[in-house]
Amino acid sequence: MSDSPMDYPEHERTYAFFTGLTKYGTIACVVILVLMAIFLV
């Protein structure tokens, strides 16, 4: 392993990207399920 310190700003950017992707992915799935319930039932 290297002796360089942790790159916390990069970790925070990655975490923000991950949580945003998770949030919008969940919203997209819910929208798809609602539309399927409306149009396929």
PDB file of N, CA and C in Angstrom:
ATOM      1  N   MET A   1       0.834  -1.186   0.000  1.00  0.00           N
ATOM      2  CA  MET A   1       0.000   0.000   0.000  1.00  0.00           C
ATOM      3  C   MET A   1       0.874   1.243   0.000  1.00  0.00           C
ATOM      4  N   SER A   2       0.316   2.298  -0.531  1.00  0.00           N
ATOM      5  CA  SER A   2       1.081   3.543  -0.554  1.00  0.00           C
ATOM      6  C   SER A   2       0.911   4.292   0.759  1.00  0.00           C
ATOM      7  N   ASP A   3       1.815   5.203   1.007  1.00  0.00           N
ATOM      8  CA  ASP A   3       1.768   5.990   2.232  1.00  0.00           C
ATOM      9  C   ASP A   3       1.060   7.321   2.040  1.00  0.00           C
ATOM     10  N   SER A   4       0.376   7.500   0.918  1.00  0.00           N
ATOM     11  CA  SER A   4      -0.308   8.767   0.665  1.00  0.00           C
ATOM     12  C   SER A   4      -1.553   8.864   1.552  1.00  0.00           C
ATOM     13  N   PRO A   5      -1.894  10.070   1.959  1.00  0.00           N
ATOM     14  CA  PRO A   5      -3.082  10.239   2.808  1.00  0.00           C
ATOM     15  C   PRO A   5      -4.368   9.990   2.004  1.00  0.00           C
ATOM     16  N   MET A   6      -5.428   9.785   2.717  1.00  0.00           N
ATOM     17  CA  MET A   6      -6.726   9.561   2.079  1.00  0.00           C
ATOM     18  C   MET A   6      -7.156  10.823   1.332  1.00  0.00           C
ATOM     19  N   ASP A   7      -7.775  10.628   0.182  1.00  0.00           N
ATOM     20  CA  ASP A   7      -8.260  11.747  -0.621  1.00  0.00           C
ATOM     21  C   ASP A   7      -9.744  11.937  -0.300  1.00  0.00           C
ATOM     22  N   TYR A   8     -10.021  12.613   0.822  1.00  0.00           N
ATOM     23  CA  TYR A   8     -11.400  12.746   1.283  1.00  0.00           C
ATOM     24  C   TYR A   8     -12.298  13.507   0.318  1.00  0.00           C
ATOM     25  N   PRO A   9     -11.849  14.579  -0.328  1.00  0.00           N
ATOM     26  CA  PRO A   9     -12.749  15.233  -1.298  1.00  0.00           C
ATOM     27  C   PRO A   9     -13.191  14.289  -2.421  1.00  0.00           C
ATOM     28  N   GLU A  10     -12.285  13.439  -2.879  1.00  0.00           N
ATOM     29  CA  GLU A  10     -12.653  12.475  -3.927  1.00  0.00           C
ATOM     30  C   GLU A  10     -13.651  11.449  -3.387  1.00  0.00           C
ATOM     31  N   HIS A  11     -13.451  11.007  -2.146  1.00  0.00           N
ATOM     32  CA  HIS A  11     -14.392  10.067  -1.537  1.00  0.00           C
ATOM     33  C   HIS A  11     -15.770  10.701  -1.414  1.00  0.00           C
ATOM     34  N   GLU A  12     -15.812  11.971  -1.015  1.00  0.00           N
ATOM     35  CA  GLU A  12     -17.094  12.649  -0.862  1.00  0.00           C
ATOM     36  C   GLU A  12     -17.792  12.835  -2.206  1.00  0.00           C
ATOM     37  N   ARG A  13     -17.032  13.142  -3.261  1.00  0.00           N
ATOM     38  CA  ARG A  13     -17.633  13.264  -4.593  1.00  0.00           C
ATOM     39  C   ARG A  13     -18.184  11.923  -5.056  1.00  0.00           C
ATOM     40  N   THR A  14     -17.435  10.861  -4.823  1.00  0.00           N
ATOM     41  CA  THR A  14     -17.889   9.528  -5.219  1.00  0.00           C
ATOM     42  C   THR A  14     -19.145   9.138  -4.448  1.00  0.00           C
ATOM     43  N   TYR A  15     -19.164   9.422  -3.143  1.00  0.00           N
ATOM     44  CA  TYR A  15     -20.334   9.094  -2.330  1.00  0.00           C
ATOM     45  C   TYR A  15     -21.547   9.898  -2.780  1.00  0.00           C
ATOM     46  N   ALA A  16     -21.361  11.183  -3.082  1.00  0.00           N
ATOM     47  CA  ALA A  16     -22.469  12.014  -3.554  1.00  0.00           C
ATOM     48  C   ALA A  16     -23.000  11.488  -4.880  1.00  0.00           C
ATOM     49  N   PHE A  17     -22.097  11.077  -5.771  1.00  0.00           N
ATOM     50  CA  PHE A  17     -22.518  10.501  -7.055  1.00  0.00           C
ATOM     51  C   PHE A  17     -23.308   9.218  -6.826  1.00  0.00           C
ATOM     52  N   PHE A  18     -22.822   8.358  -5.952  1.00  0.00           N
ATOM     53  CA  PHE A  18     -23.487   7.081  -5.678  1.00  0.00           C
ATOM     54  C   PHE A  18     -24.872   7.293  -5.081  1.00  0.00           C
ATOM     55  N   THR A  19     -24.977   8.181  -4.090  1.00  0.00           N
ATOM     56  CA  THR A  19     -26.283   8.407  -3.466  1.00  0.00           C
ATOM     57  C   THR A  19     -27.252   9.060  -4.443  1.00  0.00           C
ATOM     58  N   GLY A  20     -26.759   9.954  -5.281  1.00  0.00           N
ATOM     59  CA  GLY A  20     -27.626  10.562  -6.293  1.00  0.00           C
ATOM     60  C   GLY A  20     -28.112   9.543  -7.299  1.00  0.00           C
ATOM     61  N   LEU A  21     -27.198   8.689  -7.755  1.00  0.00           N
ATOM     62  CA  LEU A  21     -27.564   7.644  -8.706  1.00  0.00           C
ATOM     63  C   LEU A  21     -28.584   6.688  -8.088  1.00  0.00           C
ATOM     64  N   THR A  22     -28.392   6.338  -6.835  1.00  0.00           N
ATOM     65  CA  THR A  22     -29.329   5.453  -6.143  1.00  0.00           C
ATOM     66  C   THR A  22     -30.698   6.110  -6.008  1.00  0.00           C
ATOM     67  N   LYS A  23     -30.714   7.385  -5.634  1.00  0.00           N
ATOM     68  CA  LYS A  23     -31.977   8.103  -5.458  1.00  0.00           C
ATOM     69  C   LYS A  23     -32.738   8.193  -6.772  1.00  0.00           C
ATOM     70  N   TYR A  24     -32.075   8.622  -7.840  1.00  0.00           N
ATOM     71  CA  TYR A  24     -32.769   8.774  -9.108  1.00  0.00           C
ATOM     72  C   TYR A  24     -33.116   7.419  -9.726  1.00  0.00           C
ATOM     73  N   GLY A  25     -32.313   6.402  -9.470  1.00  0.00           N
ATOM     74  CA  GLY A  25     -32.642   5.063  -9.946  1.00  0.00           C
ATOM     75  C   GLY A  25     -33.885   4.518  -9.265  1.00  0.00           C
ATOM     76  N   THR A  26     -33.997   4.771  -7.964  1.00  0.00           N
ATOM     77  CA  THR A  26     -35.179   4.336  -7.223  1.00  0.00           C
ATOM     78  C   THR A  26     -36.420   5.072  -7.702  1.00  0.00           C
ATOM     79  N   ILE A  27     -36.283   6.379  -7.908  1.00  0.00           N
ATOM     80  CA  ILE A  27     -37.419   7.166  -8.418  1.00  0.00           C
ATOM     81  C   ILE A  27     -37.840   6.654  -9.793  1.00  0.00           C
ATOM     82  N   ALA A  28     -36.884   6.347 -10.651  1.00  0.00           N
ATOM     83  CA  ALA A  28     -37.201   5.834 -11.985  1.00  0.00           C
ATOM     84  C   ALA A  28     -37.941   4.501 -11.888  1.00  0.00           C
ATOM     85  N   CYS A  29     -37.515   3.616 -11.001  1.00  0.00           N
ATOM     86  CA  CYS A  29     -38.195   2.325 -10.837  1.00  0.00           C
ATOM     87  C   CYS A  29     -39.624   2.508 -10.350  1.00  0.00           C
ATOM     88  N   VAL A  30     -39.826   3.419  -9.408  1.00  0.00           N
ATOM     89  CA  VAL A  30     -41.177   3.668  -8.897  1.00  0.00           C
ATOM     90  C   VAL A  30     -42.065   4.226 -10.003  1.00  0.00           C
ATOM     91  N   VAL A  31     -41.535   5.149 -10.796  1.00  0.00           N
ATOM     92  CA  VAL A  31     -42.321   5.717 -11.901  1.00  0.00           C
ATOM     93  C   VAL A  31     -42.695   4.630 -12.902  1.00  0.00           C
ATOM     94  N   ILE A  32     -41.751   3.767 -13.231  1.00  0.00           N
ATOM     95  CA  ILE A  32     -42.039   2.673 -14.167  1.00  0.00           C
ATOM     96  C   ILE A  32     -43.112   1.751 -13.606  1.00  0.00           C
ATOM     97  N   LEU A  33     -43.025   1.416 -12.329  1.00  0.00           N
ATOM     98  CA  LEU A  33     -44.033   0.544 -11.722  1.00  0.00           C
ATOM     99  C   LEU A  33     -45.411   1.203 -11.705  1.00  0.00           C
ATOM    100  N   VAL A  34     -45.471   2.493 -11.412  1.00  0.00           N
ATOM    101  CA  VAL A  34     -46.752   3.201 -11.410  1.00  0.00           C
ATOM    102  C   VAL A  34     -47.342   3.225 -12.815  1.00  0.00           C
ATOM    103  N   LEU A  35     -46.518   3.520 -13.808  1.00  0.00           N
ATOM    104  CA  LEU A  35     -47.014   3.539 -15.184  1.00  0.00           C
ATOM    105  C   LEU A  35     -47.483   2.152 -15.628  1.00  0.00           C
ATOM    106  N   MET A  36     -46.767   1.113 -15.215  1.00  0.00           N
ATOM    107  CA  MET A  36     -47.207  -0.247 -15.551  1.00  0.00           C
ATOM    108  C   MET A  36     -48.540  -0.557 -14.878  1.00  0.00           C
ATOM    109  N   ALA A  37     -48.711  -0.117 -13.633  1.00  0.00           N
ATOM    110  CA  ALA A  37     -49.968  -0.366 -12.933  1.00  0.00           C
ATOM    111  C   ALA A  37     -51.120   0.363 -13.605  1.00  0.00           C
ATOM    112  N   ILE A  38     -50.849   1.546 -14.151  1.00  0.00           N
ATOM    113  CA  ILE A  38     -51.907   2.317 -14.799  1.00  0.00           C
ATOM    114  C   ILE A  38     -52.263   1.722 -16.164  1.00  0.00           C
ATOM    115  N   PHE A  39     -51.260   1.435 -16.980  1.00  0.00           N
ATOM    116  CA  PHE A  39     -51.517   1.085 -18.371  1.00  0.00           C
ATOM    117  C   PHE A  39     -51.649  -0.410 -18.646  1.00  0.00           C
ATOM    118  N   LEU A  40     -51.173  -1.261 -17.755  1.00  0.00           N
ATOM    119  CA  LEU A  40     -51.214  -2.698 -18.033  1.00  0.00           C
ATOM    120  C   LEU A  40     -52.290  -3.436 -17.245  1.00  0.00           C
ATOM    121  N   VAL A  41     -52.930  -2.747 -16.320  1.00  0.00           N
ATOM    122  CA  VAL A  41     -53.960  -3.425 -15.515  1.00  0.00           C
ATOM    123  C   VAL A  41     -55.331  -2.995 -15.972  1.00  0.00           C
TER     124      VAL A  41
END
